[in-house]
């Protein structure tokens, strides 16, 4: 699956929209992939590790 920076980063609200809109878009695409493959109903959790500036962002 090819994803461009324009797919992940949209103009959003707040001072760091790249830390909100991008991850939300990536999560949506991931969930849509699970649904497409018939795995969403069997998915009970997801563990994600964040790196770089996104990983350095504190809990909201």
PDB file of N, CA and C in Angstrom:
ATOM      1  N   UNK A   1       0.852  -1.163   0.000  1.00  0.00           N
ATOM      2  CA  UNK A   1       0.000   0.000   0.000  1.00  0.00           C
ATOM      3  C   UNK A   1       0.900   1.228   0.000  1.00  0.00           C
ATOM      4  N   UNK A   2       0.765   2.048  -0.994  1.00  0.00           N
ATOM      5  CA  UNK A   2       1.542   3.281  -1.086  1.00  0.00           C
ATOM      6  C   UNK A   2       0.799   4.408  -0.387  1.00  0.00           C
ATOM      7  N   UNK A   3       1.488   5.107   0.489  1.00  0.00           N
ATOM      8  CA  UNK A   3       0.906   6.226   1.224  1.00  0.00           C
ATOM      9  C   UNK A   3       1.843   7.415   1.062  1.00  0.00           C
ATOM     10  N   UNK A   4       1.311   8.513   0.584  1.00  0.00           N
ATOM     11  CA  UNK A   4       2.143   9.706   0.428  1.00  0.00           C
ATOM     12  C   UNK A   4       2.010  10.599   1.654  1.00  0.00           C
ATOM     13  N   UNK A   5       2.907  11.536   1.772  1.00  0.00           N
ATOM     14  CA  UNK A   5       2.832  12.506   2.864  1.00  0.00           C
ATOM     15  C   UNK A   5       1.541  13.302   2.784  1.00  0.00           C
ATOM     16  N   UNK A   6       1.024  13.504   1.583  1.00  0.00           N
ATOM     17  CA  UNK A   6      -0.229  14.242   1.425  1.00  0.00           C
ATOM     18  C   UNK A   6      -1.417  13.441   1.941  1.00  0.00           C
ATOM     19  N   UNK A   7      -1.314  12.113   1.969  1.00  0.00           N
ATOM     20  CA  UNK A   7      -2.374  11.281   2.533  1.00  0.00           C
ATOM     21  C   UNK A   7      -2.376  11.350   4.051  1.00  0.00           C
ATOM     22  N   UNK A   8      -1.202  11.406   4.650  1.00  0.00           N
ATOM     23  CA  UNK A   8      -1.097  11.387   6.107  1.00  0.00           C
ATOM     24  C   UNK A   8      -1.240  12.755   6.742  1.00  0.00           C
ATOM     25  N   UNK A   9      -0.679  13.770   6.128  1.00  0.00           N
ATOM     26  CA  UNK A   9      -0.655  15.081   6.758  1.00  0.00           C
ATOM     27  C   UNK A   9      -1.628  16.025   6.082  1.00  0.00           C
ATOM     28  N   UNK A  10      -2.671  16.363   6.805  1.00  0.00           N
ATOM     29  CA  UNK A  10      -3.686  17.299   6.341  1.00  0.00           C
ATOM     30  C   UNK A  10      -3.655  18.515   7.261  1.00  0.00           C
ATOM     31  N   UNK A  11      -4.221  19.589   6.817  1.00  0.00           N
ATOM     32  CA  UNK A  11      -4.343  20.768   7.665  1.00  0.00           C
ATOM     33  C   UNK A  11      -5.351  20.448   8.754  1.00  0.00           C
ATOM     34  N   UNK A  12      -4.962  20.657   9.988  1.00  0.00           N
ATOM     35  CA  UNK A  12      -5.846  20.356  11.112  1.00  0.00           C
ATOM     36  C   UNK A  12      -5.824  21.472  12.125  1.00  0.00           C
ATOM     37  N   UNK A  13      -6.624  21.289  13.156  1.00  0.00           N
ATOM     38  CA  UNK A  13      -6.694  22.298  14.207  1.00  0.00           C
ATOM     39  C   UNK A  13      -5.576  22.070  15.212  1.00  0.00           C
ATOM     40  N   UNK A  14      -5.200  23.105  15.887  1.00  0.00           N
ATOM     41  CA  UNK A  14      -4.196  23.007  16.926  1.00  0.00           C
ATOM     42  C   UNK A  14      -2.805  23.333  16.423  1.00  0.00           C
ATOM     43  N   UNK A  15      -1.894  23.549  17.371  1.00  0.00           N
ATOM     44  CA  UNK A  15      -0.539  23.942  17.000  1.00  0.00           C
ATOM     45  C   UNK A  15       0.296  22.794  16.426  1.00  0.00           C
ATOM     46  N   UNK A  16      -0.099  21.554  16.668  1.00  0.00           N
ATOM     47  CA  UNK A  16       0.690  20.428  16.142  1.00  0.00           C
ATOM     48  C   UNK A  16      -0.236  19.444  15.442  1.00  0.00           C
ATOM     49  N   UNK A  17      -0.860  19.893  14.369  1.00  0.00           N
ATOM     50  CA  UNK A  17      -1.812  19.029  13.666  1.00  0.00           C
ATOM     51  C   UNK A  17      -1.135  17.800  13.085  1.00  0.00           C
ATOM     52  N   UNK A  18       0.179  17.862  12.826  1.00  0.00           N
ATOM     53  CA  UNK A  18       0.877  16.672  12.321  1.00  0.00           C
ATOM     54  C   UNK A  18       0.911  15.568  13.371  1.00  0.00           C
ATOM     55  N   UNK A  19       0.765  15.945  14.643  1.00  0.00           N
ATOM     56  CA  UNK A  19       0.746  14.955  15.712  1.00  0.00           C
ATOM     57  C   UNK A  19      -0.668  14.480  16.021  1.00  0.00           C
ATOM     58  N   UNK A  20      -1.668  15.028  15.360  1.00  0.00           N
ATOM     59  CA  UNK A  20      -3.044  14.587  15.591  1.00  0.00           C
ATOM     60  C   UNK A  20      -3.664  14.026  14.323  1.00  0.00           C
ATOM     61  N   UNK A  21      -3.641  14.773  13.249  1.00  0.00           N
ATOM     62  CA  UNK A  21      -4.299  14.353  12.011  1.00  0.00           C
ATOM     63  C   UNK A  21      -3.582  13.161  11.386  1.00  0.00           C
ATOM     64  N   UNK A  22      -2.264  13.191  11.334  1.00  0.00           N
ATOM     65  CA  UNK A  22      -1.503  12.099  10.728  1.00  0.00           C
ATOM     66  C   UNK A  22      -1.752  10.761  11.400  1.00  0.00           C
ATOM     67  N   UNK A  23      -1.596  10.679  12.732  1.00  0.00           N
ATOM     68  CA  UNK A  23      -1.859   9.412  13.405  1.00  0.00           C
ATOM     69  C   UNK A  23      -3.317   8.961  13.292  1.00  0.00           C
ATOM     70  N   UNK A  24      -4.251   9.897  13.322  1.00  0.00           N
ATOM     71  CA  UNK A  24      -5.661   9.516  13.170  1.00  0.00           C
ATOM     72  C   UNK A  24      -5.914   8.943  11.785  1.00  0.00           C
ATOM     73  N   UNK A  25      -5.316   9.535  10.779  1.00  0.00           N
ATOM     74  CA  UNK A  25      -5.470   9.048   9.398  1.00  0.00           C
ATOM     75  C   UNK A  25      -4.826   7.665   9.245  1.00  0.00           C
ATOM     76  N   UNK A  26      -3.640   7.487   9.825  1.00  0.00           N
ATOM     77  CA  UNK A  26      -2.964   6.190   9.760  1.00  0.00           C
ATOM     78  C   UNK A  26      -3.780   5.115  10.472  1.00  0.00           C
ATOM     79  N   UNK A  27      -4.363   5.452  11.629  1.00  0.00           N
ATOM     80  CA  UNK A  27      -5.196   4.495  12.360  1.00  0.00           C
ATOM     81  C   UNK A  27      -6.439   4.124  11.560  1.00  0.00           C
ATOM     82  N   UNK A  28      -7.050   5.101  10.907  1.00  0.00           N
ATOM     83  CA  UNK A  28      -8.221   4.826  10.071  1.00  0.00           C
ATOM     84  C   UNK A  28      -7.862   3.877   8.936  1.00  0.00           C
ATOM     85  N   UNK A  29      -6.751   4.142   8.272  1.00  0.00           N
ATOM     86  CA  UNK A  29      -6.330   3.286   7.162  1.00  0.00           C
ATOM     87  C   UNK A  29      -6.013   1.872   7.651  1.00  0.00           C
ATOM     88  N   UNK A  30      -5.410   1.759   8.828  1.00  0.00           N
ATOM     89  CA  UNK A  30      -5.104   0.449   9.404  1.00  0.00           C
ATOM     90  C   UNK A  30      -6.391  -0.307   9.719  1.00  0.00           C
ATOM     91  N   UNK A  31      -7.352   0.374  10.355  1.00  0.00           N
ATOM     92  CA  UNK A  31      -8.628  -0.260  10.692  1.00  0.00           C
ATOM     93  C   UNK A  31      -9.401  -0.657   9.438  1.00  0.00           C
ATOM     94  N   UNK A  32      -9.356   0.174   8.420  1.00  0.00           N
ATOM     95  CA  UNK A  32     -10.023  -0.171   7.157  1.00  0.00           C
ATOM     96  C   UNK A  32      -9.388  -1.408   6.530  1.00  0.00           C
ATOM     97  N   UNK A  33      -8.081  -1.538   6.646  1.00  0.00           N
ATOM     98  CA  UNK A  33      -7.393  -2.726   6.140  1.00  0.00           C
ATOM     99  C   UNK A  33      -7.803  -3.978   6.898  1.00  0.00           C
ATOM    100  N   UNK A  34      -7.924  -3.865   8.233  1.00  0.00           N
ATOM    101  CA  UNK A  34      -8.401  -4.998   9.025  1.00  0.00           C
ATOM    102  C   UNK A  34      -9.812  -5.393   8.615  1.00  0.00           C
ATOM    103  N   UNK A  35     -10.672  -4.401   8.427  1.00  0.00           N
ATOM    104  CA  UNK A  35     -12.052  -4.676   8.021  1.00  0.00           C
ATOM    105  C   UNK A  35     -12.089  -5.321   6.639  1.00  0.00           C
ATOM    106  N   UNK A  36     -11.303  -4.805   5.724  1.00  0.00           N
ATOM    107  CA  UNK A  36     -11.260  -5.345   4.364  1.00  0.00           C
ATOM    108  C   UNK A  36     -10.821  -6.807   4.360  1.00  0.00           C
ATOM    109  N   UNK A  37      -9.895  -7.144   5.254  1.00  0.00           N
ATOM    110  CA  UNK A  37      -9.366  -8.500   5.314  1.00  0.00           C
ATOM    111  C   UNK A  37     -10.168  -9.411   6.243  1.00  0.00           C
ATOM    112  N   UNK A  38     -11.277  -8.897   6.799  1.00  0.00           N
ATOM    113  CA  UNK A  38     -12.128  -9.695   7.677  1.00  0.00           C
ATOM    114  C   UNK A  38     -11.531  -9.956   9.048  1.00  0.00           C
ATOM    115  N   UNK A  39     -10.635  -9.106   9.496  1.00  0.00           N
ATOM    116  CA  UNK A  39      -9.948  -9.306  10.772  1.00  0.00           C
ATOM    117  C   UNK A  39     -10.393  -8.349  11.871  1.00  0.00           C
ATOM    118  N   UNK A  40     -11.173  -7.345  11.541  1.00  0.00           N
ATOM    119  CA  UNK A  40     -11.521  -6.311  12.515  1.00  0.00           C
ATOM    120  C   UNK A  40     -12.313  -6.874  13.691  1.00  0.00           C
ATOM    121  N   UNK A  41     -13.272  -7.754  13.426  1.00  0.00           N
ATOM    122  CA  UNK A  41     -14.104  -8.306  14.502  1.00  0.00           C
ATOM    123  C   UNK A  41     -13.281  -9.144  15.482  1.00  0.00           C
ATOM    124  N   UNK A  42     -12.187  -9.726  15.019  1.00  0.00           N
ATOM    125  CA  UNK A  42     -11.345 -10.567  15.880  1.00  0.00           C
ATOM    126  C   UNK A  42     -10.216  -9.790  16.540  1.00  0.00           C
ATOM    127  N   UNK A  43     -10.088  -8.516  16.234  1.00  0.00           N
ATOM    128  CA  UNK A  43      -9.015  -7.697  16.792  1.00  0.00           C
ATOM    129  C   UNK A  43      -9.462  -7.134  18.134  1.00  0.00           C
ATOM    130  N   UNK A  44      -8.700  -7.454  19.181  1.00  0.00           N
ATOM    131  CA  UNK A  44      -9.060  -7.010  20.529  1.00  0.00           C
ATOM    132  C   UNK A  44      -8.185  -5.871  21.025  1.00  0.00           C
ATOM    133  N   UNK A  45      -7.089  -5.628  20.360  1.00  0.00           N
ATOM    134  CA  UNK A  45      -6.200  -4.549  20.772  1.00  0.00           C
ATOM    135  C   UNK A  45      -5.073  -4.374  19.772  1.00  0.00           C
ATOM    136  N   UNK A  46      -4.424  -3.245  19.876  1.00  0.00           N
ATOM    137  CA  UNK A  46      -3.294  -2.928  19.007  1.00  0.00           C
ATOM    138  C   UNK A  46      -2.231  -2.256  19.864  1.00  0.00           C
ATOM    139  N   UNK A  47      -0.995  -2.667  19.695  1.00  0.00           N
ATOM    140  CA  UNK A  47       0.119  -2.027  20.394  1.00  0.00           C
ATOM    141  C   UNK A  47       0.936  -1.268  19.361  1.00  0.00           C
ATOM    142  N   UNK A  48       1.218  -0.024  19.649  1.00  0.00           N
ATOM    143  CA  UNK A  48       1.990   0.806  18.721  1.00  0.00           C
ATOM    144  C   UNK A  48       3.157   1.444  19.462  1.00  0.00           C
ATOM    145  N   UNK A  49       4.306   1.490  18.819  1.00  0.00           N
ATOM    146  CA  UNK A  49       5.465   2.190  19.358  1.00  0.00           C
ATOM    147  C   UNK A  49       5.720   3.409  18.485  1.00  0.00           C
ATOM    148  N   UNK A  50       5.842   4.548  19.118  1.00  0.00           N
ATOM    149  CA  UNK A  50       6.031   5.802  18.397  1.00  0.00           C
ATOM    150  C   UNK A  50       7.478   6.257  18.525  1.00  0.00           C
ATOM    151  N   UNK A  51       8.008   6.812  17.451  1.00  0.00           N
ATOM    152  CA  UNK A  51       9.395   7.247  17.407  1.00  0.00           C
ATOM    153  C   UNK A  51       9.475   8.714  16.995  1.00  0.00           C
ATOM    154  N   UNK A  52      10.640   9.274  17.153  1.00  0.00           N
ATOM    155  CA  UNK A  52      10.871  10.651  16.727  1.00  0.00           C
ATOM    156  C   UNK A  52      10.062  11.644  17.534  1.00  0.00           C
ATOM    157  N   UNK A  53       9.692  12.735  16.891  1.00  0.00           N
ATOM    158  CA  UNK A  53       8.980  13.801  17.598  1.00  0.00           C
ATOM    159  C   UNK A  53       7.602  13.345  18.055  1.00  0.00           C
ATOM    160  N   UNK A  54       6.978  12.443  17.311  1.00  0.00           N
ATOM    161  CA  UNK A  54       5.671  11.937  17.736  1.00  0.00           C
ATOM    162  C   UNK A  54       5.811  11.105  19.005  1.00  0.00           C
ATOM    163  N   UNK A  55       6.872  10.317  19.094  1.00  0.00           N
ATOM    164  CA  UNK A  55       7.116   9.520  20.286  1.00  0.00           C
ATOM    165  C   UNK A  55       7.472  10.372  21.494  1.00  0.00           C
ATOM    166  N   UNK A  56       8.027  11.544  21.259  1.00  0.00           N
ATOM    167  CA  UNK A  56       8.416  12.435  22.352  1.00  0.00           C
ATOM    168  C   UNK A  56       7.248  13.270  22.863  1.00  0.00           C
ATOM    169  N   UNK A  57       6.125  13.212  22.168  1.00  0.00           N
ATOM    170  CA  UNK A  57       4.945  13.969  22.581  1.00  0.00           C
ATOM    171  C   UNK A  57       4.334  13.298  23.802  1.00  0.00           C
ATOM    172  N   UNK A  58       3.976  14.075  24.796  1.00  0.00           N
ATOM    173  CA  UNK A  58       3.396  13.533  26.021  1.00  0.00           C
ATOM    174  C   UNK A  58       1.989  13.017  25.820  1.00  0.00           C
ATOM    175  N   UNK A  59       1.494  12.318  26.832  1.00  0.00           N
ATOM    176  CA  UNK A  59       0.125  11.803  26.783  1.00  0.00           C
ATOM    177  C   UNK A  59      -0.852  12.964  26.806  1.00  0.00           C
ATOM    178  N   UNK A  60      -1.930  12.815  26.035  1.00  0.00           N
ATOM    179  CA  UNK A  60      -2.953  13.860  25.955  1.00  0.00           C
ATOM    180  C   UNK A  60      -3.991  13.749  27.010  1.00  0.00           C
TER     181      UNK A  60
END
